[in-house]
Structures are given as C-alpha cells and as structure tokens.
Amino acid sequence: MIKKLLSPILLLALLSISLVSCSKEEIASDQNDNTPVNVTFTYSQEELELMNIINDYRVSIGKNRLDKVDYISAKSEEHDNYMISKGGISHDYFQDRYEALVRNLGAVNVSENLAYNYSTPQGVFSAWLNSAGHKANIEGDFTHFGIAIRTNADGKKFYTNLFMKK
C-alpha cells in the first residue's frame, strides 16, 4: 500500500521540480555577461521545432508570432550548460539574464521557462501548457524569444526558453 502511494507522490514531486517558470522579481545574482550581442546561434531541429510549436500556438489564440533572436538563444544555452554543470534545474542567475537582455537588446520585460528530461519538443510544450506560470509566459505580451536544448552525459535534456518584449 505504501509503495503504491509513494510512486505517484514521487512522480508529482519530480514533475513539480522539473516545471518551473521565472519572472524578473524572483532571482538575483552576479554572473558575468561575456556573450557578444552579434553572436550567431546554430539551431538544432528540436529547437526550431519547439519555436514553431510555440509560435503556432500563439497564432492559434490570436497572439503575435515571436521573432527568434540568436543572442537570446545563446543566453539560454549558457543557462542550460550551467544547469548541466550544477546537475539540476534552477533559475539561478535569472536576474543577470534579464539585465543582459535589457542592456544589450532594449528589453522592457523578460520571462523564462525551464524544463528537464523531456524527450520531445511537443512533450515539453504540453507540460508547459499544463503549468499556469509557463502557460502565462507562452501566452504573454512578448515580441522576441530564444530557446536552447542541451543534453547532459546521461542523455537528459535541459530546456531554457527566454521571452522578451522590446
């Protein structure tokens, strides 16, 4: 009986940890910004697919398409690499990412969706839509975005999706 109850509870706890969203008020730190503004980001098929899924959804609900920005994706990639090195998902240094987008791209608002251990872009998108905070970011008043998906040594994927309004 205890084993039967423990499994769904553990699954729910892991799901809650893996699905988090962030806005500027939540996290602050002092990570350096060494990413050149004119960086060229090479998108994987999965990253492009996730961007298309998000934009198709936004259009289906009457929202504008978001323009992809290489600099935003590079900042997303940096955060994926940080989470991989740390061994877990976190919004550490979000304030630094926020400030970098304000300083370098003229952002007036920035939000972030993170995820871990989803095997497909559709899977992570569906999970984000089932989370009020993530869904609010996807449907939010933004103009630009960037996405990076990186895989750790164990084959687990880390997702960082930054949204920006200019």
N, C-alpha and C. Protein backbone atom coordinates (compact mmCIF):
# COMPACT_ATOMS: atom_id res chain seq x y z
N MET A 1 0.83 -1.20 0.00
CA MET A 1 0.00 0.00 0.00
C MET A 1 0.87 1.26 0.00
N ILE A 2 1.89 1.30 0.85
CA ILE A 2 2.75 2.48 0.92
C ILE A 2 3.50 2.65 -0.40
N LYS A 3 3.96 1.54 -1.00
CA LYS A 3 4.64 1.61 -2.28
C LYS A 3 3.74 2.20 -3.36
N LYS A 4 2.45 1.82 -3.34
CA LYS A 4 1.51 2.33 -4.33
C LYS A 4 1.33 3.85 -4.20
N LEU A 5 1.28 4.34 -2.98
CA LEU A 5 1.12 5.78 -2.75
C LEU A 5 2.40 6.54 -3.02
N LEU A 6 3.54 5.95 -2.71
CA LEU A 6 4.81 6.62 -2.84
C LEU A 6 5.15 6.93 -4.30
N SER A 7 4.84 6.03 -5.20
CA SER A 7 5.16 6.21 -6.61
C SER A 7 4.49 7.45 -7.20
N PRO A 8 3.17 7.64 -7.06
CA PRO A 8 2.55 8.86 -7.61
C PRO A 8 3.03 10.13 -6.91
N ILE A 9 3.30 10.04 -5.63
CA ILE A 9 3.79 11.22 -4.90
C ILE A 9 5.17 11.60 -5.39
N LEU A 10 6.03 10.62 -5.57
CA LEU A 10 7.37 10.89 -6.08
C LEU A 10 7.31 11.45 -7.49
N LEU A 11 6.46 10.90 -8.33
CA LEU A 11 6.30 11.40 -9.70
C LEU A 11 5.82 12.85 -9.69
N LEU A 12 4.85 13.16 -8.86
CA LEU A 12 4.34 14.52 -8.76
C LEU A 12 5.44 15.48 -8.28
N ALA A 13 6.22 15.05 -7.30
CA ALA A 13 7.31 15.90 -6.80
C ALA A 13 8.34 16.16 -7.89
N LEU A 14 8.72 15.14 -8.63
CA LEU A 14 9.69 15.32 -9.71
C LEU A 14 9.14 16.21 -10.81
N LEU A 15 7.88 16.04 -11.15
CA LEU A 15 7.25 16.89 -12.15
C LEU A 15 7.22 18.34 -11.70
N SER A 16 6.91 18.57 -10.45
CA SER A 16 6.87 19.93 -9.91
C SER A 16 8.24 20.59 -9.96
N ILE A 17 9.26 19.81 -9.68
CA ILE A 17 10.61 20.35 -9.71
C ILE A 17 11.04 20.65 -11.13
N SER A 18 10.65 19.79 -12.08
CA SER A 18 11.11 19.96 -13.45
C SER A 18 10.37 21.05 -14.20
N LEU A 19 9.25 21.50 -13.70
CA LEU A 19 8.47 22.54 -14.37
C LEU A 19 8.45 23.80 -13.52
N VAL A 20 9.30 24.74 -13.87
CA VAL A 20 9.33 25.98 -13.14
C VAL A 20 9.41 27.13 -14.13
N SER A 21 8.82 28.25 -13.78
CA SER A 21 8.94 29.42 -14.63
C SER A 21 9.40 30.58 -13.76
N CYS A 22 9.90 31.60 -14.41
CA CYS A 22 10.50 32.68 -13.65
C CYS A 22 10.19 34.01 -14.31
N SER A 23 10.05 35.02 -13.47
CA SER A 23 9.95 36.38 -13.95
C SER A 23 10.97 37.20 -13.18
N LYS A 24 11.19 38.45 -13.59
CA LYS A 24 12.32 39.23 -13.10
C LYS A 24 12.37 39.41 -11.60
N GLU A 25 11.27 39.34 -10.92
CA GLU A 25 11.27 39.61 -9.49
C GLU A 25 11.82 38.46 -8.64
N GLU A 26 11.99 37.30 -9.25
CA GLU A 26 12.23 36.11 -8.46
C GLU A 26 13.68 35.81 -8.10
N ILE A 27 14.65 36.08 -8.96
CA ILE A 27 16.02 35.63 -8.74
C ILE A 27 16.99 36.78 -9.03
N ALA A 28 18.04 36.88 -8.24
CA ALA A 28 19.09 37.85 -8.49
C ALA A 28 20.45 37.23 -8.20
N SER A 29 21.49 37.67 -8.92
CA SER A 29 22.84 37.20 -8.69
C SER A 29 23.82 38.10 -9.42
N ASP A 30 25.05 37.62 -9.59
CA ASP A 30 26.07 38.47 -10.19
C ASP A 30 26.92 37.75 -11.23
N GLN A 31 26.31 36.93 -12.07
CA GLN A 31 27.03 36.23 -13.12
C GLN A 31 27.46 37.22 -14.20
N ASN A 32 28.68 37.05 -14.74
CA ASN A 32 29.19 37.95 -15.78
C ASN A 32 28.53 37.68 -17.12
N ASP A 33 28.44 38.74 -17.95
CA ASP A 33 27.87 38.61 -19.29
C ASP A 33 28.98 38.82 -20.31
N ASN A 34 29.44 37.72 -20.91
CA ASN A 34 30.50 37.79 -21.92
C ASN A 34 30.01 37.42 -23.31
N THR A 35 28.72 37.30 -23.50
CA THR A 35 28.17 36.90 -24.78
C THR A 35 28.11 38.11 -25.71
N PRO A 36 28.74 38.02 -26.90
CA PRO A 36 28.64 39.15 -27.84
C PRO A 36 27.22 39.28 -28.37
N VAL A 37 26.76 40.50 -28.50
CA VAL A 37 25.38 40.77 -28.94
C VAL A 37 25.15 40.24 -30.36
N ASN A 38 26.17 40.26 -31.19
CA ASN A 38 26.02 39.83 -32.57
C ASN A 38 26.36 38.35 -32.77
N VAL A 39 26.25 37.56 -31.72
CA VAL A 39 26.54 36.13 -31.78
C VAL A 39 25.65 35.45 -32.81
N THR A 40 26.19 34.43 -33.48
CA THR A 40 25.40 33.61 -34.39
C THR A 40 25.13 32.29 -33.69
N PHE A 41 23.87 31.98 -33.52
CA PHE A 41 23.46 30.75 -32.83
C PHE A 41 23.01 29.74 -33.88
N THR A 42 23.52 28.52 -33.77
CA THR A 42 23.13 27.46 -34.68
C THR A 42 22.05 26.62 -34.01
N TYR A 43 20.86 26.64 -34.60
CA TYR A 43 19.70 25.96 -34.01
C TYR A 43 19.65 24.50 -34.42
N SER A 44 19.32 23.64 -33.47
CA SER A 44 19.06 22.24 -33.77
C SER A 44 17.64 22.13 -34.33
N GLN A 45 17.34 20.99 -34.94
CA GLN A 45 15.98 20.76 -35.43
C GLN A 45 14.97 20.81 -34.27
N GLU A 46 15.35 20.28 -33.12
CA GLU A 46 14.44 20.29 -31.96
C GLU A 46 14.16 21.71 -31.49
N GLU A 47 15.17 22.55 -31.47
CA GLU A 47 14.98 23.94 -31.04
C GLU A 47 14.04 24.67 -32.01
N LEU A 48 14.29 24.48 -33.30
CA LEU A 48 13.42 25.10 -34.31
C LEU A 48 12.00 24.57 -34.21
N GLU A 49 11.86 23.27 -33.96
CA GLU A 49 10.53 22.68 -33.82
C GLU A 49 9.80 23.27 -32.62
N LEU A 50 10.49 23.41 -31.50
CA LEU A 50 9.85 23.98 -30.30
C LEU A 50 9.45 25.44 -30.54
N MET A 51 10.29 26.18 -31.22
CA MET A 51 9.94 27.57 -31.54
C MET A 51 8.70 27.61 -32.43
N ASN A 52 8.64 26.75 -33.41
CA ASN A 52 7.47 26.70 -34.29
C ASN A 52 6.21 26.29 -33.54
N ILE A 53 6.33 25.33 -32.64
CA ILE A 53 5.18 24.90 -31.84
C ILE A 53 4.65 26.07 -31.00
N ILE A 54 5.57 26.78 -30.36
CA ILE A 54 5.17 27.93 -29.54
C ILE A 54 4.51 29.00 -30.41
N ASN A 55 5.12 29.34 -31.54
CA ASN A 55 4.55 30.37 -32.41
C ASN A 55 3.21 29.94 -33.01
N ASP A 56 3.11 28.68 -33.42
CA ASP A 56 1.83 28.20 -33.96
C ASP A 56 0.74 28.28 -32.90
N TYR A 57 1.07 27.94 -31.68
CA TYR A 57 0.09 28.03 -30.59
C TYR A 57 -0.31 29.49 -30.37
N ARG A 58 0.67 30.38 -30.31
CA ARG A 58 0.36 31.80 -30.08
C ARG A 58 -0.58 32.32 -31.17
N VAL A 59 -0.30 32.01 -32.41
CA VAL A 59 -1.15 32.46 -33.52
C VAL A 59 -2.55 31.88 -33.37
N SER A 60 -2.65 30.62 -32.93
CA SER A 60 -3.96 29.97 -32.80
C SER A 60 -4.84 30.63 -31.74
N ILE A 61 -4.22 31.35 -30.80
CA ILE A 61 -5.01 32.05 -29.77
C ILE A 61 -5.04 33.56 -30.00
N GLY A 62 -4.63 33.99 -31.20
CA GLY A 62 -4.72 35.40 -31.56
C GLY A 62 -3.55 36.25 -31.11
N LYS A 63 -2.44 35.65 -30.75
CA LYS A 63 -1.24 36.39 -30.33
C LYS A 63 -0.28 36.53 -31.50
N ASN A 64 0.64 37.46 -31.38
CA ASN A 64 1.68 37.65 -32.38
C ASN A 64 2.72 36.52 -32.33
N ARG A 65 3.32 36.27 -33.49
CA ARG A 65 4.46 35.36 -33.54
C ARG A 65 5.64 36.06 -32.87
N LEU A 66 6.50 35.29 -32.26
CA LEU A 66 7.71 35.83 -31.64
C LEU A 66 8.88 35.69 -32.61
N ASP A 67 9.69 36.72 -32.68
CA ASP A 67 10.89 36.68 -33.51
C ASP A 67 12.01 36.00 -32.72
N LYS A 68 12.69 35.06 -33.36
CA LYS A 68 13.82 34.42 -32.69
C LYS A 68 15.04 35.34 -32.78
N VAL A 69 15.78 35.35 -31.68
CA VAL A 69 16.97 36.19 -31.59
C VAL A 69 18.13 35.31 -31.13
N ASP A 70 19.20 35.29 -31.93
CA ASP A 70 20.34 34.44 -31.62
C ASP A 70 20.94 34.75 -30.24
N TYR A 71 21.04 36.03 -29.90
CA TYR A 71 21.60 36.40 -28.60
C TYR A 71 20.79 35.80 -27.45
N ILE A 72 19.48 35.83 -27.57
CA ILE A 72 18.61 35.26 -26.52
C ILE A 72 18.83 33.75 -26.43
N SER A 73 18.95 33.10 -27.57
CA SER A 73 19.20 31.65 -27.57
C SER A 73 20.57 31.33 -26.99
N ALA A 74 21.55 32.18 -27.26
CA ALA A 74 22.89 31.97 -26.69
C ALA A 74 22.85 32.10 -25.17
N LYS A 75 22.08 33.07 -24.67
CA LYS A 75 21.92 33.20 -23.21
C LYS A 75 21.19 31.98 -22.65
N SER A 76 20.22 31.44 -23.41
CA SER A 76 19.52 30.22 -23.00
C SER A 76 20.49 29.04 -22.95
N GLU A 77 21.34 28.95 -23.94
CA GLU A 77 22.33 27.86 -23.98
C GLU A 77 23.29 27.95 -22.80
N GLU A 78 23.74 29.15 -22.48
CA GLU A 78 24.62 29.33 -21.33
C GLU A 78 23.95 28.78 -20.07
N HIS A 79 22.66 29.08 -19.95
CA HIS A 79 21.97 28.62 -18.74
C HIS A 79 21.79 27.10 -18.75
N ASP A 80 21.49 26.51 -19.90
CA ASP A 80 21.44 25.04 -19.98
C ASP A 80 22.76 24.44 -19.53
N ASN A 81 23.86 24.98 -20.05
CA ASN A 81 25.18 24.46 -19.69
C ASN A 81 25.45 24.61 -18.21
N TYR A 82 25.02 25.73 -17.62
CA TYR A 82 25.16 25.93 -16.19
C TYR A 82 24.37 24.87 -15.42
N MET A 83 23.11 24.65 -15.82
CA MET A 83 22.29 23.66 -15.11
C MET A 83 22.89 22.26 -15.23
N ILE A 84 23.43 21.94 -16.40
CA ILE A 84 24.08 20.64 -16.58
C ILE A 84 25.27 20.53 -15.64
N SER A 85 26.08 21.58 -15.55
CA SER A 85 27.26 21.54 -14.67
C SER A 85 26.86 21.45 -13.20
N LYS A 86 25.73 22.05 -12.87
CA LYS A 86 25.23 22.02 -11.50
C LYS A 86 24.54 20.69 -11.19
N GLY A 87 24.04 20.03 -12.23
CA GLY A 87 23.38 18.75 -12.04
C GLY A 87 21.91 18.85 -11.74
N GLY A 88 21.29 19.98 -12.06
CA GLY A 88 19.86 20.12 -11.81
C GLY A 88 19.31 21.40 -12.38
N ILE A 89 18.01 21.47 -12.38
CA ILE A 89 17.29 22.61 -12.94
C ILE A 89 17.19 23.74 -11.91
N SER A 90 17.39 24.97 -12.38
CA SER A 90 17.28 26.11 -11.46
C SER A 90 17.17 27.40 -12.26
N HIS A 91 16.64 28.42 -11.60
CA HIS A 91 16.59 29.75 -12.19
C HIS A 91 17.74 30.62 -11.69
N ASP A 92 18.79 29.99 -11.19
CA ASP A 92 19.95 30.76 -10.74
C ASP A 92 20.37 31.75 -11.82
N TYR A 93 20.73 32.95 -11.40
CA TYR A 93 21.25 33.99 -12.28
C TYR A 93 20.22 34.52 -13.29
N PHE A 94 18.93 34.30 -13.05
CA PHE A 94 17.93 34.84 -13.96
C PHE A 94 18.04 36.37 -14.05
N GLN A 95 18.26 37.02 -12.93
CA GLN A 95 18.35 38.48 -12.94
C GLN A 95 19.46 38.94 -13.89
N ASP A 96 20.56 38.19 -13.95
CA ASP A 96 21.64 38.55 -14.87
C ASP A 96 21.23 38.39 -16.33
N ARG A 97 20.50 37.32 -16.63
CA ARG A 97 19.99 37.15 -17.99
C ARG A 97 19.02 38.28 -18.34
N TYR A 98 18.16 38.59 -17.40
CA TYR A 98 17.20 39.68 -17.57
C TYR A 98 17.93 40.99 -17.88
N GLU A 99 18.89 41.32 -17.05
CA GLU A 99 19.62 42.58 -17.21
C GLU A 99 20.43 42.61 -18.51
N ALA A 100 20.97 41.47 -18.92
CA ALA A 100 21.71 41.41 -20.19
C ALA A 100 20.79 41.72 -21.36
N LEU A 101 19.56 41.22 -21.32
CA LEU A 101 18.62 41.49 -22.41
C LEU A 101 18.16 42.95 -22.39
N VAL A 102 18.02 43.52 -21.21
CA VAL A 102 17.67 44.94 -21.10
C VAL A 102 18.81 45.79 -21.65
N ARG A 103 20.01 45.53 -21.19
CA ARG A 103 21.18 46.33 -21.55
C ARG A 103 21.54 46.18 -23.03
N ASN A 104 21.52 44.97 -23.54
CA ASN A 104 22.03 44.71 -24.88
C ASN A 104 20.97 44.74 -25.99
N LEU A 105 19.71 44.48 -25.64
CA LEU A 105 18.67 44.43 -26.67
C LEU A 105 17.52 45.39 -26.43
N GLY A 106 17.55 46.13 -25.32
CA GLY A 106 16.48 47.08 -25.04
C GLY A 106 15.20 46.45 -24.53
N ALA A 107 15.30 45.29 -23.90
CA ALA A 107 14.11 44.61 -23.37
C ALA A 107 13.44 45.46 -22.30
N VAL A 108 12.11 45.40 -22.28
CA VAL A 108 11.34 46.04 -21.22
C VAL A 108 10.70 44.99 -20.31
N ASN A 109 10.66 43.75 -20.77
CA ASN A 109 10.15 42.65 -19.95
C ASN A 109 10.80 41.36 -20.42
N VAL A 110 11.09 40.48 -19.46
CA VAL A 110 11.73 39.20 -19.76
C VAL A 110 11.14 38.15 -18.83
N SER A 111 10.86 36.97 -19.36
CA SER A 111 10.46 35.82 -18.55
C SER A 111 11.15 34.58 -19.08
N GLU A 112 11.06 33.53 -18.31
CA GLU A 112 11.83 32.32 -18.61
C GLU A 112 11.04 31.08 -18.28
N ASN A 113 11.08 30.11 -19.17
CA ASN A 113 10.56 28.77 -18.91
C ASN A 113 11.72 27.79 -18.95
N LEU A 114 11.74 26.89 -18.00
CA LEU A 114 12.75 25.84 -17.94
C LEU A 114 12.07 24.49 -17.90
N ALA A 115 12.78 23.48 -18.34
CA ALA A 115 12.29 22.11 -18.21
C ALA A 115 13.49 21.18 -18.25
N TYR A 116 13.24 19.96 -17.81
CA TYR A 116 14.29 18.95 -17.72
C TYR A 116 13.70 17.58 -18.02
N ASN A 117 14.41 16.83 -18.81
CA ASN A 117 14.14 15.41 -19.02
C ASN A 117 12.88 15.13 -19.83
N TYR A 118 12.56 15.99 -20.78
CA TYR A 118 11.51 15.69 -21.75
C TYR A 118 12.19 15.25 -23.03
N SER A 119 11.66 14.25 -23.68
CA SER A 119 12.35 13.69 -24.84
C SER A 119 12.01 14.40 -26.15
N THR A 120 10.89 15.13 -26.19
CA THR A 120 10.49 15.77 -27.45
C THR A 120 10.06 17.22 -27.20
N PRO A 121 10.18 18.06 -28.22
CA PRO A 121 9.67 19.43 -28.12
C PRO A 121 8.17 19.46 -27.79
N GLN A 122 7.39 18.58 -28.42
CA GLN A 122 5.95 18.55 -28.14
C GLN A 122 5.69 18.17 -26.68
N GLY A 123 6.48 17.26 -26.15
CA GLY A 123 6.31 16.84 -24.76
C GLY A 123 6.55 17.98 -23.78
N VAL A 124 7.64 18.72 -23.99
CA VAL A 124 7.92 19.83 -23.08
C VAL A 124 6.89 20.94 -23.26
N PHE A 125 6.48 21.20 -24.50
CA PHE A 125 5.47 22.23 -24.73
C PHE A 125 4.16 21.86 -24.03
N SER A 126 3.73 20.62 -24.15
CA SER A 126 2.49 20.18 -23.49
C SER A 126 2.59 20.35 -21.99
N ALA A 127 3.74 20.01 -21.43
CA ALA A 127 3.93 20.18 -19.98
C ALA A 127 3.87 21.65 -19.60
N TRP A 128 4.50 22.51 -20.39
CA TRP A 128 4.45 23.94 -20.11
C TRP A 128 3.01 24.47 -20.17
N LEU A 129 2.24 24.00 -21.12
CA LEU A 129 0.84 24.46 -21.21
C LEU A 129 0.01 24.00 -20.02
N ASN A 130 0.40 22.92 -19.39
CA ASN A 130 -0.32 22.41 -18.21
C ASN A 130 0.14 23.05 -16.91
N SER A 131 1.02 24.02 -17.00
CA SER A 131 1.52 24.75 -15.84
C SER A 131 1.13 26.22 -16.01
N ALA A 132 0.41 26.75 -15.06
CA ALA A 132 -0.11 28.12 -15.18
C ALA A 132 0.99 29.15 -15.45
N GLY A 133 2.10 29.06 -14.73
CA GLY A 133 3.19 30.03 -14.91
C GLY A 133 3.84 29.94 -16.27
N HIS A 134 4.09 28.72 -16.73
CA HIS A 134 4.69 28.53 -18.04
C HIS A 134 3.74 28.97 -19.15
N LYS A 135 2.49 28.60 -19.00
CA LYS A 135 1.49 28.97 -19.99
C LYS A 135 1.37 30.49 -20.10
N ALA A 136 1.40 31.17 -18.95
CA ALA A 136 1.33 32.63 -18.94
C ALA A 136 2.51 33.23 -19.71
N ASN A 137 3.69 32.64 -19.57
CA ASN A 137 4.84 33.13 -20.33
C ASN A 137 4.65 32.88 -21.82
N ILE A 138 4.20 31.70 -22.19
CA ILE A 138 3.99 31.37 -23.61
C ILE A 138 2.96 32.31 -24.22
N GLU A 139 1.92 32.63 -23.48
CA GLU A 139 0.84 33.49 -23.99
C GLU A 139 1.08 34.97 -23.70
N GLY A 140 2.20 35.30 -23.09
CA GLY A 140 2.45 36.66 -22.61
C GLY A 140 2.67 37.69 -23.70
N ASP A 141 2.75 38.93 -23.25
CA ASP A 141 2.94 40.09 -24.12
C ASP A 141 4.43 40.24 -24.43
N PHE A 142 4.91 39.39 -25.33
CA PHE A 142 6.32 39.39 -25.71
C PHE A 142 6.45 39.56 -27.22
N THR A 143 7.65 39.93 -27.66
CA THR A 143 7.91 40.15 -29.08
C THR A 143 9.01 39.24 -29.62
N HIS A 144 9.89 38.77 -28.76
CA HIS A 144 11.06 38.01 -29.17
C HIS A 144 11.27 36.84 -28.21
N PHE A 145 12.03 35.84 -28.69
CA PHE A 145 12.37 34.74 -27.80
C PHE A 145 13.62 34.03 -28.30
N GLY A 146 14.11 33.18 -27.41
CA GLY A 146 15.24 32.32 -27.73
C GLY A 146 15.08 31.02 -26.96
N ILE A 147 15.60 29.95 -27.55
CA ILE A 147 15.48 28.63 -26.94
C ILE A 147 16.79 27.89 -27.12
N ALA A 148 17.17 27.14 -26.11
CA ALA A 148 18.28 26.21 -26.24
C ALA A 148 17.89 24.91 -25.55
N ILE A 149 18.29 23.81 -26.18
CA ILE A 149 18.09 22.48 -25.62
C ILE A 149 19.46 21.81 -25.60
N ARG A 150 19.93 21.42 -24.44
CA ARG A 150 21.21 20.75 -24.32
C ARG A 150 21.02 19.46 -23.54
N THR A 151 21.87 18.49 -23.84
CA THR A 151 21.77 17.16 -23.26
C THR A 151 22.98 16.88 -22.38
N ASN A 152 22.74 16.35 -21.18
CA ASN A 152 23.85 16.02 -20.30
C ASN A 152 24.44 14.65 -20.66
N ALA A 153 25.46 14.23 -19.93
CA ALA A 153 26.16 12.97 -20.23
C ALA A 153 25.24 11.76 -20.09
N ASP A 154 24.19 11.86 -19.32
CA ASP A 154 23.24 10.75 -19.13
C ASP A 154 22.11 10.76 -20.16
N GLY A 155 22.16 11.70 -21.10
CA GLY A 155 21.14 11.77 -22.14
C GLY A 155 19.89 12.54 -21.73
N LYS A 156 19.90 13.21 -20.59
CA LYS A 156 18.76 14.00 -20.13
C LYS A 156 18.84 15.40 -20.73
N LYS A 157 17.72 15.89 -21.24
CA LYS A 157 17.68 17.19 -21.91
C LYS A 157 17.29 18.30 -20.94
N PHE A 158 17.98 19.42 -21.09
CA PHE A 158 17.69 20.64 -20.35
C PHE A 158 17.18 21.68 -21.35
N TYR A 159 16.09 22.35 -20.99
CA TYR A 159 15.46 23.34 -21.85
C TYR A 159 15.45 24.70 -21.15
N THR A 160 15.90 25.72 -21.86
CA THR A 160 15.75 27.10 -21.40
C THR A 160 15.10 27.89 -22.52
N ASN A 161 14.00 28.55 -22.21
CA ASN A 161 13.24 29.36 -23.15
C ASN A 161 13.07 30.75 -22.54
N LEU A 162 13.74 31.73 -23.11
CA LEU A 162 13.63 33.11 -22.65
C LEU A 162 12.70 33.89 -23.58
N PHE A 163 11.79 34.65 -22.98
CA PHE A 163 10.85 35.50 -23.68
C PHE A 163 11.22 36.95 -23.40
N MET A 164 11.09 37.81 -24.40
CA MET A 164 11.44 39.21 -24.22
C MET A 164 10.45 40.10 -24.95
N LYS A 165 10.14 41.22 -24.32
CA LYS A 165 9.36 42.27 -25.00
C LYS A 165 10.29 43.45 -25.21
N LYS A 166 10.27 43.94 -26.41
CA LYS A 166 11.13 45.08 -26.76
C LYS A 166 10.26 46.31 -26.92
